[in-house]
Amino acid sequence: MAQSAVPATGTSMIAPISAKAIAPWAVFFGILMLVLLYFVGAEQGATALISGEGVHEWVHDGRHLLGFPCH
């Protein structure tokens, strides 16, 4: 007969991840998402941090996909 590689006790072998370990990554990705939301939703006209139309042209289709008006 074949032997099973899974322990018969039914206990999980995966260690839990603490909130302290996840917190820096959650903050990093949260800030990254806010920056991306700014560039897609507001980077044009009077609120522009970068002059010119370059950023607008790169995120133009994403604006329409997400429902942001741009023209």
C-alpha atoms as a PDB file:
ATOM      1  CA  MET A   1       0.000   0.000   0.000  1.00  0.00           C
ATOM      2  CA  ALA A   2       1.022   3.588  -0.569  1.00  0.00           C
ATOM      3  CA  GLN A   3       2.053   5.729   2.355  1.00  0.00           C
ATOM      4  CA  SER A   4       0.485   9.177   2.750  1.00  0.00           C
ATOM      5  CA  ALA A   5       2.826  12.168   3.047  1.00  0.00           C
ATOM      6  CA  VAL A   6       0.207  14.145   4.986  1.00  0.00           C
ATOM      7  CA  PRO A   7       0.400  13.880   8.771  1.00  0.00           C
ATOM      8  CA  ALA A   8      -2.456  11.863  10.235  1.00  0.00           C
ATOM      9  CA  THR A   9      -2.963  14.252  13.163  1.00  0.00           C
ATOM     10  CA  GLY A  10      -4.807  16.798  11.005  1.00  0.00           C
ATOM     11  CA  THR A  11      -2.758  19.750  12.265  1.00  0.00           C
ATOM     12  CA  SER A  12      -1.707  22.446   9.844  1.00  0.00           C
ATOM     13  CA  MET A  13       1.972  22.784   9.020  1.00  0.00           C
ATOM     14  CA  ILE A  14       1.612  26.445   7.925  1.00  0.00           C
ATOM     15  CA  ALA A  15       2.659  29.048  10.485  1.00  0.00           C
ATOM     16  CA  PRO A  16       0.303  32.033  10.896  1.00  0.00           C
ATOM     17  CA  ILE A  17       1.500  35.440   9.715  1.00  0.00           C
ATOM     18  CA  SER A  18       1.366  38.162  12.341  1.00  0.00           C
ATOM     19  CA  ALA A  19      -0.155  41.590  11.788  1.00  0.00           C
ATOM     20  CA  LYS A  20       3.259  43.144  12.526  1.00  0.00           C
ATOM     21  CA  ALA A  21       4.712  41.305   9.528  1.00  0.00           C
ATOM     22  CA  ILE A  22       1.893  42.366   7.202  1.00  0.00           C
ATOM     23  CA  ALA A  23       1.583  46.023   8.317  1.00  0.00           C
ATOM     24  CA  PRO A  24       4.579  47.479   6.406  1.00  0.00           C
ATOM     25  CA  TRP A  25       3.473  45.776   3.193  1.00  0.00           C
ATOM     26  CA  ALA A  26      -0.117  46.962   3.649  1.00  0.00           C
ATOM     27  CA  VAL A  27       1.063  50.564   4.143  1.00  0.00           C
ATOM     28  CA  PHE A  28       3.372  50.331   1.104  1.00  0.00           C
ATOM     29  CA  PHE A  29       0.663  48.977  -1.192  1.00  0.00           C
ATOM     30  CA  GLY A  30      -1.896  51.441   0.194  1.00  0.00           C
ATOM     31  CA  ILE A  31       0.373  54.403  -0.621  1.00  0.00           C
ATOM     32  CA  LEU A  32       1.141  52.913  -4.042  1.00  0.00           C
ATOM     33  CA  MET A  33      -2.578  52.579  -4.802  1.00  0.00           C
ATOM     34  CA  LEU A  34      -3.241  56.188  -3.710  1.00  0.00           C
ATOM     35  CA  VAL A  35      -0.450  57.447  -5.999  1.00  0.00           C
ATOM     36  CA  LEU A  36      -1.817  55.408  -8.905  1.00  0.00           C
ATOM     37  CA  LEU A  37      -5.340  56.675  -8.210  1.00  0.00           C
ATOM     38  CA  TYR A  38      -4.046  60.238  -8.240  1.00  0.00           C
ATOM     39  CA  PHE A  39      -2.289  59.798 -11.579  1.00  0.00           C
ATOM     40  CA  VAL A  40      -5.258  58.113 -13.205  1.00  0.00           C
ATOM     41  CA  GLY A  41      -7.935  60.330 -11.712  1.00  0.00           C
ATOM     42  CA  ALA A  42      -6.506  63.786 -11.125  1.00  0.00           C
ATOM     43  CA  GLU A  43      -3.166  64.347 -12.885  1.00  0.00           C
ATOM     44  CA  GLN A  44      -4.223  66.998 -15.354  1.00  0.00           C
ATOM     45  CA  GLY A  45      -4.860  70.690 -15.522  1.00  0.00           C
ATOM     46  CA  ALA A  46      -4.629  72.778 -12.348  1.00  0.00           C
ATOM     47  CA  THR A  47      -3.655  69.853 -10.090  1.00  0.00           C
ATOM     48  CA  ALA A  48      -0.837  68.606 -12.310  1.00  0.00           C
ATOM     49  CA  LEU A  49       2.424  67.787 -10.572  1.00  0.00           C
ATOM     50  CA  ILE A  50       4.097  67.056 -13.910  1.00  0.00           C
ATOM     51  CA  SER A  51       3.756  69.593 -16.704  1.00  0.00           C
ATOM     52  CA  GLY A  52       2.764  68.617 -20.222  1.00  0.00           C
ATOM     53  CA  GLU A  53       0.378  66.024 -21.622  1.00  0.00           C
ATOM     54  CA  GLY A  54       2.600  62.940 -21.230  1.00  0.00           C
ATOM     55  CA  VAL A  55       0.978  61.517 -18.098  1.00  0.00           C
ATOM     56  CA  HIS A  56      -2.503  62.287 -19.420  1.00  0.00           C
ATOM     57  CA  GLU A  57      -1.853  60.369 -22.626  1.00  0.00           C
ATOM     58  CA  TRP A  58      -0.429  57.352 -20.764  1.00  0.00           C
ATOM     59  CA  VAL A  59      -3.437  56.998 -18.447  1.00  0.00           C
ATOM     60  CA  HIS A  60      -6.132  58.236 -20.849  1.00  0.00           C
ATOM     61  CA  ASP A  61      -7.778  54.857 -21.516  1.00  0.00           C
ATOM     62  CA  GLY A  62      -7.588  53.920 -17.838  1.00  0.00           C
ATOM     63  CA  ARG A  63      -9.477  57.085 -16.978  1.00  0.00           C
ATOM     64  CA  HIS A  64     -12.343  56.183 -19.250  1.00  0.00           C
ATOM     65  CA  LEU A  65     -12.328  52.569 -18.065  1.00  0.00           C
ATOM     66  CA  LEU A  66     -12.638  53.695 -14.435  1.00  0.00           C
ATOM     67  CA  GLY A  67     -15.224  56.382 -15.210  1.00  0.00           C
ATOM     68  CA  PHE A  68     -13.085  59.497 -14.700  1.00  0.00           C
ATOM     69  CA  PRO A  69     -13.906  62.307 -17.126  1.00  0.00           C
ATOM     70  CA  CYS A  70     -10.928  63.851 -18.848  1.00  0.00           C
ATOM     71  CA  HIS A  71     -12.291  65.865 -21.796  1.00  0.00           C
END
